[in-house]
N, C-alpha and C. Protein backbone atom coordinates (compact mmCIF):
# COMPACT_ATOMS: atom_id res chain seq x y z
N MET A 1 70.84 83.72 4.10
CA MET A 1 69.96 82.65 3.64
C MET A 1 70.60 81.93 2.44
N HIS A 2 70.21 80.68 2.25
CA HIS A 2 70.73 79.88 1.14
C HIS A 2 69.66 79.79 0.06
N PRO A 3 69.91 80.29 -1.16
CA PRO A 3 68.89 80.18 -2.20
C PRO A 3 68.70 78.74 -2.63
N PRO A 4 67.44 78.29 -2.78
CA PRO A 4 67.20 76.91 -3.20
C PRO A 4 67.60 76.69 -4.65
N THR A 5 68.03 75.49 -4.98
CA THR A 5 68.36 75.15 -6.36
C THR A 5 67.11 74.72 -7.10
N ASP A 6 67.06 75.01 -8.39
CA ASP A 6 65.95 74.54 -9.23
C ASP A 6 66.36 73.33 -10.06
N ASP A 7 67.58 72.82 -9.89
CA ASP A 7 68.07 71.68 -10.66
C ASP A 7 67.50 70.41 -10.05
N PRO A 8 66.64 69.65 -10.78
CA PRO A 8 66.02 68.47 -10.20
C PRO A 8 67.01 67.39 -9.84
N ALA A 9 68.21 67.41 -10.44
CA ALA A 9 69.20 66.39 -10.13
C ALA A 9 70.00 66.74 -8.88
N LEU A 10 69.91 67.99 -8.43
CA LEU A 10 70.76 68.43 -7.33
C LEU A 10 69.98 69.19 -6.26
N PRO A 11 68.94 68.58 -5.67
CA PRO A 11 68.29 69.26 -4.55
C PRO A 11 69.26 69.39 -3.38
N GLN A 12 69.16 70.46 -2.64
CA GLN A 12 70.10 70.70 -1.54
C GLN A 12 69.72 69.81 -0.36
N MET A 13 70.66 68.99 0.06
CA MET A 13 70.44 68.04 1.14
C MET A 13 71.40 68.33 2.28
N VAL A 14 70.93 68.10 3.50
CA VAL A 14 71.71 68.33 4.71
C VAL A 14 71.97 66.98 5.38
N HIS A 15 73.22 66.76 5.80
CA HIS A 15 73.55 65.54 6.54
C HIS A 15 73.04 65.67 7.96
N VAL A 16 72.19 64.72 8.37
CA VAL A 16 71.65 64.69 9.72
C VAL A 16 72.36 63.58 10.48
N PRO A 17 73.04 63.89 11.58
CA PRO A 17 73.78 62.86 12.32
C PRO A 17 72.84 61.91 13.03
N GLY A 18 73.33 60.73 13.34
CA GLY A 18 72.53 59.75 14.06
C GLY A 18 72.29 60.17 15.50
N GLY A 19 71.32 59.56 16.13
CA GLY A 19 70.99 59.85 17.52
C GLY A 19 69.72 59.15 17.92
N ALA A 20 68.94 59.75 18.79
CA ALA A 20 67.68 59.17 19.25
C ALA A 20 66.67 60.28 19.49
N VAL A 21 65.39 59.95 19.37
CA VAL A 21 64.33 60.93 19.58
C VAL A 21 63.20 60.27 20.34
N ASP A 22 62.58 61.03 21.22
CA ASP A 22 61.43 60.56 21.99
C ASP A 22 60.15 61.06 21.33
N LEU A 23 59.27 60.13 20.97
CA LEU A 23 57.98 60.47 20.36
C LEU A 23 56.87 60.21 21.36
N ARG A 24 55.72 60.84 21.10
CA ARG A 24 54.56 60.58 21.96
C ARG A 24 53.28 60.68 21.15
N ASP A 25 52.28 59.93 21.59
CA ASP A 25 50.93 60.00 21.03
C ASP A 25 50.02 60.41 22.17
N ASP A 26 49.66 61.68 22.23
CA ASP A 26 48.85 62.18 23.33
C ASP A 26 47.46 61.58 23.34
N ARG A 27 46.95 61.21 22.17
CA ARG A 27 45.62 60.62 22.09
C ARG A 27 45.58 59.29 22.83
N ARG A 28 46.64 58.51 22.70
CA ARG A 28 46.71 57.21 23.37
C ARG A 28 47.47 57.26 24.69
N GLY A 29 48.14 58.37 24.94
CA GLY A 29 48.93 58.48 26.15
C GLY A 29 50.17 57.60 26.15
N THR A 30 50.77 57.43 24.97
CA THR A 30 51.95 56.57 24.86
C THR A 30 53.17 57.39 24.48
N ARG A 31 54.33 56.88 24.91
CA ARG A 31 55.61 57.48 24.56
C ARG A 31 56.57 56.38 24.16
N TRP A 32 57.50 56.69 23.25
CA TRP A 32 58.48 55.70 22.84
C TRP A 32 59.71 56.40 22.29
N ARG A 33 60.83 55.71 22.33
CA ARG A 33 62.10 56.25 21.84
C ARG A 33 62.48 55.53 20.56
N VAL A 34 63.00 56.27 19.59
CA VAL A 34 63.42 55.71 18.31
C VAL A 34 64.88 56.07 18.08
N GLU A 35 65.69 55.08 17.74
CA GLU A 35 67.08 55.32 17.35
C GLU A 35 67.12 55.76 15.89
N ILE A 36 67.89 56.79 15.60
CA ILE A 36 67.96 57.37 14.25
C ILE A 36 69.35 57.16 13.68
N ALA A 37 69.42 56.49 12.52
CA ALA A 37 70.69 56.36 11.80
C ALA A 37 70.94 57.65 11.02
N PRO A 38 72.19 57.99 10.74
CA PRO A 38 72.46 59.18 9.92
C PRO A 38 71.71 59.11 8.58
N PHE A 39 71.21 60.24 8.12
CA PHE A 39 70.49 60.28 6.85
C PHE A 39 70.61 61.68 6.26
N LEU A 40 70.11 61.85 5.06
CA LEU A 40 70.09 63.15 4.39
C LEU A 40 68.66 63.68 4.35
N LEU A 41 68.51 64.98 4.56
CA LEU A 41 67.19 65.61 4.53
C LEU A 41 67.29 66.91 3.75
N GLY A 42 66.25 67.21 2.97
CA GLY A 42 66.24 68.42 2.17
C GLY A 42 66.37 69.67 3.02
N ARG A 43 67.20 70.59 2.56
CA ARG A 43 67.36 71.85 3.28
C ARG A 43 66.06 72.64 3.31
N TYR A 44 65.23 72.46 2.27
CA TYR A 44 63.95 73.15 2.15
C TYR A 44 62.86 72.13 1.83
N PRO A 45 61.60 72.49 2.05
CA PRO A 45 60.52 71.70 1.44
C PRO A 45 60.68 71.71 -0.08
N VAL A 46 60.16 70.71 -0.74
CA VAL A 46 60.18 70.67 -2.20
C VAL A 46 59.43 71.89 -2.74
N THR A 47 60.08 72.63 -3.65
CA THR A 47 59.48 73.83 -4.20
C THR A 47 58.59 73.51 -5.40
N ALA A 48 57.75 74.49 -5.74
CA ALA A 48 56.88 74.34 -6.91
C ALA A 48 57.70 74.14 -8.17
N SER A 49 58.83 74.85 -8.28
CA SER A 49 59.64 74.73 -9.50
C SER A 49 60.32 73.37 -9.58
N LEU A 50 60.82 72.86 -8.47
CA LEU A 50 61.44 71.54 -8.47
C LEU A 50 60.41 70.47 -8.79
N HIS A 51 59.24 70.57 -8.19
CA HIS A 51 58.19 69.59 -8.45
C HIS A 51 57.78 69.60 -9.92
N ARG A 52 57.66 70.78 -10.50
CA ARG A 52 57.29 70.89 -11.91
C ARG A 52 58.36 70.29 -12.81
N ALA A 53 59.64 70.53 -12.47
CA ALA A 53 60.73 69.99 -13.28
C ALA A 53 60.76 68.47 -13.21
N VAL A 54 60.39 67.91 -12.08
CA VAL A 54 60.46 66.46 -11.89
C VAL A 54 59.24 65.75 -12.47
N THR A 55 58.05 66.32 -12.27
CA THR A 55 56.82 65.60 -12.62
C THR A 55 56.10 66.18 -13.83
N GLY A 56 56.40 67.42 -14.20
CA GLY A 56 55.64 68.08 -15.25
C GLY A 56 54.31 68.63 -14.77
N ALA A 57 53.98 68.38 -13.50
CA ALA A 57 52.70 68.83 -12.94
C ALA A 57 52.91 70.11 -12.15
N ASP A 58 51.88 70.95 -12.13
CA ASP A 58 51.94 72.23 -11.43
C ASP A 58 50.67 72.39 -10.59
N PRO A 59 50.61 71.71 -9.44
CA PRO A 59 49.38 71.76 -8.65
C PRO A 59 49.15 73.08 -7.95
N THR A 60 50.17 73.96 -7.93
CA THR A 60 50.02 75.25 -7.25
C THR A 60 50.38 76.39 -8.20
N PRO A 61 49.66 76.56 -9.32
CA PRO A 61 50.06 77.53 -10.34
C PRO A 61 50.00 78.98 -9.89
N SER A 62 49.26 79.27 -8.82
CA SER A 62 49.11 80.66 -8.39
C SER A 62 50.24 81.13 -7.48
N THR A 63 51.15 80.21 -7.09
CA THR A 63 52.25 80.58 -6.20
C THR A 63 53.53 80.75 -7.00
N SER A 64 54.54 81.37 -6.39
CA SER A 64 55.81 81.58 -7.07
C SER A 64 56.59 80.27 -7.14
N ALA A 65 57.57 80.25 -8.05
CA ALA A 65 58.37 79.04 -8.25
C ALA A 65 59.15 78.64 -7.01
N GLY A 66 59.47 79.62 -6.15
CA GLY A 66 60.27 79.34 -4.98
C GLY A 66 59.47 78.98 -3.74
N SER A 67 58.17 78.92 -3.85
CA SER A 67 57.36 78.55 -2.70
C SER A 67 57.24 77.02 -2.62
N PRO A 68 56.93 76.48 -1.46
CA PRO A 68 56.75 75.03 -1.38
C PRO A 68 55.60 74.57 -2.26
N VAL A 69 55.77 73.44 -2.90
CA VAL A 69 54.66 72.87 -3.64
C VAL A 69 53.59 72.45 -2.63
N THR A 70 52.33 72.68 -2.97
CA THR A 70 51.21 72.28 -2.13
C THR A 70 50.17 71.57 -3.00
N ASN A 71 49.06 71.22 -2.40
CA ASN A 71 48.02 70.46 -3.11
C ASN A 71 48.57 69.15 -3.66
N VAL A 72 49.51 68.55 -2.93
CA VAL A 72 50.06 67.25 -3.30
C VAL A 72 49.66 66.23 -2.23
N SER A 73 49.14 65.11 -2.67
CA SER A 73 48.79 64.04 -1.75
C SER A 73 50.03 63.26 -1.33
N TRP A 74 49.86 62.37 -0.37
CA TRP A 74 50.95 61.47 0.02
C TRP A 74 51.36 60.62 -1.18
N LEU A 75 50.39 60.13 -1.93
CA LEU A 75 50.70 59.32 -3.11
C LEU A 75 51.43 60.14 -4.17
N ASP A 76 51.05 61.40 -4.34
CA ASP A 76 51.78 62.29 -5.25
C ASP A 76 53.24 62.43 -4.81
N ALA A 77 53.44 62.60 -3.51
CA ALA A 77 54.80 62.78 -2.98
C ALA A 77 55.65 61.53 -3.20
N ILE A 78 55.05 60.37 -2.99
CA ILE A 78 55.75 59.10 -3.24
C ILE A 78 56.18 59.00 -4.70
N ASP A 79 55.26 59.34 -5.59
CA ASP A 79 55.55 59.29 -7.02
C ASP A 79 56.67 60.27 -7.39
N ALA A 80 56.62 61.49 -6.83
CA ALA A 80 57.66 62.48 -7.13
C ALA A 80 59.02 62.01 -6.64
N CYS A 81 59.07 61.37 -5.48
CA CYS A 81 60.34 60.83 -4.98
C CYS A 81 60.92 59.83 -5.97
N ASN A 82 60.11 58.90 -6.45
CA ASN A 82 60.59 57.90 -7.40
C ASN A 82 61.04 58.55 -8.71
N ARG A 83 60.29 59.52 -9.19
CA ARG A 83 60.66 60.19 -10.45
C ARG A 83 62.00 60.91 -10.30
N LEU A 84 62.19 61.59 -9.17
CA LEU A 84 63.44 62.30 -8.95
C LEU A 84 64.60 61.31 -8.83
N SER A 85 64.38 60.18 -8.20
CA SER A 85 65.43 59.16 -8.11
C SER A 85 65.88 58.73 -9.50
N VAL A 86 64.92 58.47 -10.38
CA VAL A 86 65.25 58.04 -11.74
C VAL A 86 66.02 59.14 -12.47
N LEU A 87 65.56 60.38 -12.37
CA LEU A 87 66.24 61.50 -13.03
C LEU A 87 67.66 61.69 -12.52
N SER A 88 67.88 61.33 -11.25
CA SER A 88 69.19 61.52 -10.62
C SER A 88 70.08 60.30 -10.74
N GLY A 89 69.62 59.24 -11.42
CA GLY A 89 70.42 58.03 -11.59
C GLY A 89 70.51 57.20 -10.32
N LEU A 90 69.49 57.30 -9.47
CA LEU A 90 69.45 56.55 -8.22
C LEU A 90 68.38 55.47 -8.30
N ASP A 91 68.40 54.58 -7.34
CA ASP A 91 67.41 53.51 -7.29
C ASP A 91 66.10 54.03 -6.69
N GLU A 92 64.98 53.59 -7.23
CA GLU A 92 63.69 53.96 -6.66
C GLU A 92 63.53 53.32 -5.28
N VAL A 93 62.92 54.07 -4.38
CA VAL A 93 62.69 53.58 -3.02
C VAL A 93 61.36 52.86 -2.91
N TYR A 94 60.36 53.35 -3.63
CA TYR A 94 58.99 52.86 -3.43
C TYR A 94 58.54 51.94 -4.57
N ALA A 95 57.76 50.94 -4.19
CA ALA A 95 57.09 50.07 -5.16
C ALA A 95 55.61 50.07 -4.83
N VAL A 96 54.77 50.17 -5.87
CA VAL A 96 53.32 50.20 -5.70
C VAL A 96 52.73 48.97 -6.36
N ASP A 97 52.02 48.16 -5.57
CA ASP A 97 51.39 46.97 -6.11
C ASP A 97 50.24 47.38 -7.03
N ALA A 98 50.29 46.93 -8.28
CA ALA A 98 49.32 47.36 -9.28
C ALA A 98 47.90 46.93 -8.93
N ARG A 99 47.77 45.83 -8.22
CA ARG A 99 46.43 45.32 -7.91
C ARG A 99 45.86 45.94 -6.63
N SER A 100 46.65 45.93 -5.57
CA SER A 100 46.15 46.40 -4.27
C SER A 100 46.40 47.87 -4.01
N GLY A 101 47.38 48.45 -4.73
CA GLY A 101 47.77 49.82 -4.46
C GLY A 101 48.68 49.97 -3.26
N GLU A 102 49.05 48.87 -2.61
CA GLU A 102 49.91 48.93 -1.42
C GLU A 102 51.29 49.46 -1.81
N VAL A 103 51.81 50.38 -1.00
CA VAL A 103 53.13 50.96 -1.22
C VAL A 103 54.11 50.34 -0.24
N THR A 104 55.22 49.83 -0.77
CA THR A 104 56.28 49.30 0.08
C THR A 104 57.54 50.12 -0.12
N CYS A 105 58.39 50.12 0.89
CA CYS A 105 59.58 50.96 0.90
C CYS A 105 60.82 50.09 1.05
N ASP A 106 61.81 50.31 0.18
CA ASP A 106 63.11 49.65 0.29
C ASP A 106 64.05 50.61 1.00
N TRP A 107 64.22 50.40 2.30
CA TRP A 107 65.01 51.33 3.11
C TRP A 107 66.49 51.29 2.76
N SER A 108 66.93 50.27 2.06
CA SER A 108 68.34 50.20 1.66
C SER A 108 68.63 50.94 0.37
N SER A 109 67.58 51.39 -0.34
CA SER A 109 67.76 52.09 -1.61
C SER A 109 68.45 53.43 -1.39
N ASN A 110 69.21 53.87 -2.40
CA ASN A 110 69.90 55.16 -2.31
C ASN A 110 69.09 56.32 -2.87
N GLY A 111 67.85 56.06 -3.27
CA GLY A 111 67.03 57.09 -3.88
C GLY A 111 66.34 58.00 -2.89
N TYR A 112 65.50 58.89 -3.43
CA TYR A 112 64.78 59.86 -2.61
C TYR A 112 63.52 59.24 -2.03
N ARG A 113 63.18 59.70 -0.83
CA ARG A 113 62.02 59.17 -0.12
C ARG A 113 61.49 60.25 0.82
N LEU A 114 60.39 59.95 1.49
CA LEU A 114 59.89 60.79 2.56
C LEU A 114 60.60 60.42 3.86
N PRO A 115 60.81 61.37 4.76
CA PRO A 115 61.34 61.00 6.07
C PRO A 115 60.30 60.24 6.88
N THR A 116 60.76 59.41 7.80
CA THR A 116 59.84 58.88 8.80
C THR A 116 59.49 60.02 9.76
N GLU A 117 58.42 59.84 10.53
CA GLU A 117 58.09 60.92 11.47
C GLU A 117 59.15 61.05 12.56
N ALA A 118 59.80 59.94 12.92
CA ALA A 118 60.88 60.02 13.90
C ALA A 118 62.06 60.81 13.34
N GLU A 119 62.43 60.53 12.09
CA GLU A 119 63.49 61.30 11.45
C GLU A 119 63.11 62.77 11.36
N TRP A 120 61.86 63.03 10.99
CA TRP A 120 61.43 64.42 10.84
C TRP A 120 61.55 65.16 12.16
N GLN A 121 61.01 64.59 13.23
CA GLN A 121 61.04 65.29 14.52
C GLN A 121 62.47 65.45 15.03
N TYR A 122 63.28 64.42 14.87
CA TYR A 122 64.68 64.48 15.30
C TYR A 122 65.41 65.61 14.56
N ALA A 123 65.22 65.70 13.25
CA ALA A 123 65.87 66.74 12.47
C ALA A 123 65.31 68.12 12.79
N CYS A 124 64.02 68.21 13.03
CA CYS A 124 63.41 69.49 13.37
C CYS A 124 63.99 70.05 14.67
N LYS A 125 64.09 69.21 15.68
CA LYS A 125 64.58 69.68 16.97
C LYS A 125 66.07 70.01 16.94
N ALA A 126 66.85 69.27 16.16
CA ALA A 126 68.27 69.58 15.96
C ALA A 126 69.01 69.82 17.28
N ASP A 127 68.82 68.89 18.20
CA ASP A 127 69.49 68.95 19.52
C ASP A 127 68.97 70.07 20.42
N THR A 128 67.88 70.72 20.05
CA THR A 128 67.25 71.67 20.97
C THR A 128 66.25 70.91 21.84
N THR A 129 65.79 71.54 22.90
CA THR A 129 64.95 70.81 23.85
C THR A 129 63.54 71.37 23.99
N GLY A 130 63.24 72.50 23.37
CA GLY A 130 61.94 73.12 23.54
C GLY A 130 60.91 72.65 22.52
N TYR A 131 59.73 73.25 22.61
CA TYR A 131 58.65 72.96 21.67
C TYR A 131 59.01 73.39 20.26
N ARG A 132 59.79 74.47 20.16
CA ARG A 132 60.31 74.97 18.90
C ARG A 132 61.80 75.27 19.04
N TYR A 133 62.50 75.35 17.92
CA TYR A 133 63.94 75.57 17.94
C TYR A 133 64.31 77.05 17.95
N GLY A 134 63.33 77.92 18.08
CA GLY A 134 63.57 79.36 18.14
C GLY A 134 62.27 80.10 18.36
N GLU A 135 62.33 81.43 18.40
CA GLU A 135 61.12 82.23 18.52
C GLU A 135 60.30 82.09 17.23
N ILE A 136 59.01 81.87 17.39
CA ILE A 136 58.19 81.48 16.24
C ILE A 136 58.20 82.53 15.13
N ASP A 137 58.18 83.82 15.47
CA ASP A 137 58.20 84.84 14.41
C ASP A 137 59.49 84.84 13.63
N ASP A 138 60.57 84.36 14.24
CA ASP A 138 61.87 84.32 13.57
C ASP A 138 62.02 83.11 12.65
N ILE A 139 61.32 82.02 12.95
CA ILE A 139 61.59 80.76 12.25
C ILE A 139 60.45 80.27 11.38
N ALA A 140 59.25 80.81 11.52
CA ALA A 140 58.09 80.18 10.87
C ALA A 140 57.10 81.20 10.33
N TRP A 141 56.51 80.86 9.16
CA TRP A 141 55.33 81.53 8.67
C TRP A 141 54.12 80.80 9.25
N PHE A 142 53.29 81.51 10.01
CA PHE A 142 52.11 80.90 10.62
C PHE A 142 50.97 81.92 10.57
N ALA A 143 49.84 81.59 11.17
CA ALA A 143 48.63 82.39 10.96
C ALA A 143 48.81 83.85 11.30
N ASP A 144 49.63 84.16 12.30
CA ASP A 144 49.75 85.55 12.75
C ASP A 144 50.66 86.41 11.89
N ASN A 145 51.50 85.81 11.03
CA ASN A 145 52.42 86.64 10.24
C ASN A 145 52.46 86.30 8.75
N SER A 146 51.64 85.35 8.31
CA SER A 146 51.74 84.85 6.93
C SER A 146 50.91 85.63 5.92
N ASP A 147 50.05 86.52 6.38
CA ASP A 147 49.14 87.25 5.49
C ASP A 147 48.25 86.29 4.72
N GLY A 148 47.98 85.12 5.33
CA GLY A 148 47.04 84.17 4.75
C GLY A 148 47.51 83.47 3.50
N ARG A 149 48.84 83.26 3.38
CA ARG A 149 49.34 82.62 2.16
C ARG A 149 50.68 81.92 2.44
N VAL A 150 51.05 81.05 1.52
CA VAL A 150 52.34 80.39 1.56
C VAL A 150 53.43 81.38 1.12
N HIS A 151 54.66 81.15 1.59
CA HIS A 151 55.79 82.03 1.26
C HIS A 151 56.94 81.24 0.67
N ASP A 152 57.80 81.92 -0.09
CA ASP A 152 58.98 81.28 -0.64
C ASP A 152 59.79 80.63 0.48
N VAL A 153 60.42 79.50 0.16
CA VAL A 153 61.23 78.81 1.15
C VAL A 153 62.46 79.63 1.51
N GLY A 154 62.98 79.41 2.71
CA GLY A 154 64.21 80.06 3.13
C GLY A 154 64.06 81.48 3.62
N GLY A 155 62.84 81.96 3.81
CA GLY A 155 62.64 83.34 4.22
C GLY A 155 62.73 83.58 5.71
N LYS A 156 62.74 82.51 6.49
CA LYS A 156 62.87 82.61 7.94
C LYS A 156 64.17 81.91 8.37
N ALA A 157 64.56 82.11 9.61
CA ALA A 157 65.83 81.54 10.10
C ALA A 157 65.77 80.02 10.14
N PRO A 158 66.89 79.35 9.83
CA PRO A 158 66.93 77.89 9.87
C PRO A 158 67.09 77.39 11.30
N ASN A 159 66.93 76.07 11.46
CA ASN A 159 67.24 75.48 12.77
C ASN A 159 68.76 75.31 12.89
N PRO A 160 69.28 74.84 14.03
CA PRO A 160 70.73 74.75 14.21
C PRO A 160 71.45 73.85 13.21
N TRP A 161 70.74 72.97 12.52
CA TRP A 161 71.37 72.10 11.53
C TRP A 161 71.20 72.62 10.11
N GLY A 162 70.73 73.85 9.96
CA GLY A 162 70.64 74.46 8.64
C GLY A 162 69.43 74.05 7.83
N LEU A 163 68.37 73.60 8.49
CA LEU A 163 67.13 73.21 7.82
C LEU A 163 66.11 74.34 7.94
N PHE A 164 65.56 74.76 6.81
CA PHE A 164 64.63 75.87 6.77
C PHE A 164 63.18 75.38 6.73
N ASP A 165 62.29 76.19 7.29
CA ASP A 165 60.84 75.95 7.18
C ASP A 165 60.42 74.61 7.77
N MET A 166 61.15 74.11 8.76
CA MET A 166 60.71 72.88 9.41
C MET A 166 59.40 73.10 10.17
N LEU A 167 59.18 74.32 10.64
CA LEU A 167 57.92 74.68 11.28
C LEU A 167 57.26 75.79 10.47
N GLY A 168 55.95 75.70 10.33
CA GLY A 168 55.20 76.70 9.57
C GLY A 168 55.39 76.57 8.07
N ASN A 169 54.82 77.48 7.35
CA ASN A 169 54.78 77.55 5.89
C ASN A 169 53.92 76.43 5.31
N VAL A 170 54.40 75.18 5.31
CA VAL A 170 53.54 74.06 4.90
C VAL A 170 53.76 72.86 5.82
N TRP A 171 52.69 72.14 6.07
CA TRP A 171 52.81 70.82 6.67
C TRP A 171 53.62 69.93 5.72
N GLU A 172 54.25 68.88 6.27
CA GLU A 172 55.08 68.00 5.45
C GLU A 172 54.71 66.54 5.67
N TRP A 173 54.37 65.86 4.57
CA TRP A 173 54.06 64.44 4.65
C TRP A 173 55.26 63.64 5.17
N CYS A 174 54.99 62.65 5.99
CA CYS A 174 55.98 61.66 6.41
C CYS A 174 55.54 60.29 5.92
N TRP A 175 56.44 59.32 6.02
CA TRP A 175 56.16 57.97 5.54
C TRP A 175 55.08 57.26 6.36
N ASP A 176 55.02 57.47 7.65
CA ASP A 176 54.36 56.57 8.59
C ASP A 176 52.84 56.57 8.51
N LEU A 177 52.27 55.38 8.79
CA LEU A 177 50.85 55.27 9.09
C LEU A 177 50.59 55.89 10.45
N TYR A 178 49.43 56.52 10.61
CA TYR A 178 49.11 57.16 11.88
C TYR A 178 48.66 56.14 12.93
N ASP A 179 47.65 55.35 12.61
CA ASP A 179 47.14 54.30 13.50
C ASP A 179 46.31 53.38 12.63
N GLU A 180 46.96 52.33 12.15
CA GLU A 180 46.31 51.47 11.15
C GLU A 180 45.04 50.83 11.68
N GLU A 181 44.99 50.47 12.95
CA GLU A 181 43.81 49.82 13.51
C GLU A 181 42.60 50.75 13.51
N VAL A 182 42.83 52.02 13.78
CA VAL A 182 41.73 52.99 13.90
C VAL A 182 41.48 53.73 12.59
N TYR A 183 42.56 54.16 11.91
CA TYR A 183 42.44 55.05 10.75
C TYR A 183 42.84 54.39 9.43
N GLY A 184 43.16 53.12 9.45
CA GLY A 184 43.50 52.44 8.21
C GLY A 184 44.74 53.01 7.56
N SER A 185 44.61 53.50 6.32
CA SER A 185 45.76 53.91 5.52
C SER A 185 46.19 55.35 5.77
N TYR A 186 45.59 56.04 6.75
CA TYR A 186 45.94 57.45 6.99
C TYR A 186 47.43 57.60 7.30
N ARG A 187 48.05 58.63 6.69
CA ARG A 187 49.48 58.91 6.88
C ARG A 187 49.69 60.20 7.67
N ILE A 188 50.86 60.32 8.24
CA ILE A 188 51.19 61.42 9.15
C ILE A 188 51.78 62.59 8.39
N PHE A 189 51.43 63.80 8.81
CA PHE A 189 52.18 64.98 8.38
C PHE A 189 52.54 65.83 9.59
N ARG A 190 53.61 66.63 9.44
CA ARG A 190 54.23 67.31 10.57
C ARG A 190 54.53 68.77 10.25
N GLY A 191 54.70 69.58 11.30
CA GLY A 191 55.35 70.88 11.18
C GLY A 191 54.50 72.12 11.22
N GLY A 192 53.19 72.02 11.03
CA GLY A 192 52.38 73.23 10.99
C GLY A 192 52.46 73.95 9.65
N SER A 193 51.73 75.05 9.52
CA SER A 193 51.66 75.72 8.22
C SER A 193 51.35 77.20 8.39
N TRP A 194 51.29 77.89 7.24
CA TRP A 194 50.96 79.31 7.22
C TRP A 194 49.56 79.58 7.79
N ALA A 195 48.69 78.58 7.80
CA ALA A 195 47.32 78.77 8.27
C ALA A 195 47.12 78.40 9.73
N GLU A 196 48.15 77.85 10.37
CA GLU A 196 48.03 77.35 11.74
C GLU A 196 48.31 78.43 12.78
N PRO A 197 47.58 78.41 13.91
CA PRO A 197 47.99 79.25 15.04
C PRO A 197 49.31 78.75 15.61
N ALA A 198 49.91 79.54 16.48
CA ALA A 198 51.23 79.22 17.00
C ALA A 198 51.28 77.83 17.64
N ARG A 199 50.23 77.45 18.36
CA ARG A 199 50.27 76.16 19.06
C ARG A 199 50.34 74.98 18.10
N GLY A 200 49.96 75.17 16.84
CA GLY A 200 50.02 74.09 15.85
C GLY A 200 51.34 73.98 15.14
N CYS A 201 52.30 74.83 15.48
CA CYS A 201 53.61 74.83 14.84
C CYS A 201 54.68 74.46 15.86
N GLY A 202 54.78 73.18 16.15
CA GLY A 202 55.75 72.69 17.12
C GLY A 202 56.33 71.37 16.68
N ALA A 203 57.48 71.04 17.22
CA ALA A 203 58.22 69.86 16.77
C ALA A 203 57.47 68.55 17.04
N SER A 204 56.58 68.52 18.03
CA SER A 204 55.92 67.28 18.40
C SER A 204 54.48 67.17 17.90
N VAL A 205 53.99 68.17 17.16
CA VAL A 205 52.60 68.14 16.68
C VAL A 205 52.45 67.09 15.58
N ARG A 206 51.43 66.25 15.71
CA ARG A 206 51.18 65.18 14.74
C ARG A 206 49.78 65.36 14.16
N ARG A 207 49.68 65.30 12.83
CA ARG A 207 48.38 65.31 12.15
C ARG A 207 48.35 64.16 11.16
N ARG A 208 47.17 63.85 10.64
CA ARG A 208 47.05 62.72 9.72
C ARG A 208 45.92 62.96 8.74
N SER A 209 46.01 62.25 7.60
CA SER A 209 44.91 62.23 6.65
C SER A 209 45.10 61.08 5.67
N HIS A 210 44.09 60.88 4.85
CA HIS A 210 44.11 59.82 3.84
C HIS A 210 45.22 60.11 2.83
N PRO A 211 45.87 59.08 2.31
CA PRO A 211 46.99 59.31 1.37
C PRO A 211 46.59 60.00 0.07
N THR A 212 45.31 60.13 -0.21
CA THR A 212 44.87 60.88 -1.39
C THR A 212 44.54 62.33 -1.07
N PHE A 213 44.61 62.70 0.19
CA PHE A 213 44.25 64.06 0.62
C PHE A 213 45.28 65.07 0.13
N ALA A 214 44.80 66.21 -0.35
CA ALA A 214 45.68 67.30 -0.79
C ALA A 214 45.01 68.62 -0.46
N ILE A 215 45.82 69.60 -0.02
CA ILE A 215 45.28 70.90 0.37
C ILE A 215 46.37 71.95 0.20
N ASP A 216 45.98 73.23 0.32
CA ASP A 216 46.88 74.32 -0.04
C ASP A 216 47.90 74.70 1.04
N ASP A 217 48.00 73.92 2.12
CA ASP A 217 49.06 74.19 3.10
C ASP A 217 49.80 72.91 3.48
N LEU A 218 49.83 71.95 2.55
CA LEU A 218 50.47 70.66 2.81
C LEU A 218 51.40 70.30 1.65
N GLY A 219 52.68 70.09 1.95
CA GLY A 219 53.68 69.70 0.96
C GLY A 219 54.52 68.54 1.47
N PHE A 220 55.81 68.52 1.08
CA PHE A 220 56.69 67.45 1.54
C PHE A 220 58.13 67.87 1.40
N ARG A 221 59.01 67.09 2.05
CA ARG A 221 60.45 67.33 2.04
C ARG A 221 61.13 66.01 1.72
N LEU A 222 62.23 66.07 0.98
CA LEU A 222 62.96 64.88 0.55
C LEU A 222 63.91 64.37 1.63
N ALA A 223 64.06 63.06 1.67
CA ALA A 223 65.07 62.43 2.51
C ALA A 223 65.78 61.37 1.67
N ARG A 224 66.96 60.93 2.16
CA ARG A 224 67.68 59.82 1.54
C ARG A 224 68.39 59.02 2.62
N THR A 225 68.38 57.71 2.46
CA THR A 225 69.14 56.83 3.34
C THR A 225 70.60 56.89 2.96
N MET A 226 71.47 56.91 3.95
CA MET A 226 72.91 56.93 3.69
C MET A 226 73.48 55.52 3.75
């Protein structure tokens, strides 16, 4: 296993090669293909210690420093990405309109951001073809083996591209709106969590909530445009 770094300027990032991924929305019965440019993705979900070093906030004080940060909203995650970019000498990706609260993304920026859901699913599958990239007990903390709690990152086997905890442990916020016409500003999260049954921990599972929503099994993972 690879121990996570606590240095806010040097989060461990994995190069994800370009390719394509097929997405689906079972609720609407739609499928679509997305081309993926090469990008960087965090080897682990953002940890409590990294989040504290970047923001000064500790939303999960009862967990260890090496566990994924939880109780962070989508808006919290956006803010943490911008703060880490500044600390790392990179350009901020997100801008928030002071009047409307609308968040816009500069995809050409070199700073930290959330992955899109297409990027997330593509990286999670890592050229595998099944619902999961391995046997669930080997790769994920979920309801049947988590003892009802979050666990330190990196404790289960990674996917073929060296990404840990892509399934289980904590859900991970993505950039995308879920369905603006029906759900308005609701954003997508992926991956399942320590509280989910096995069926909820798969590469294609999609969930959503309001960007202010925060709970004890939802965190995020860093990405960067190359």
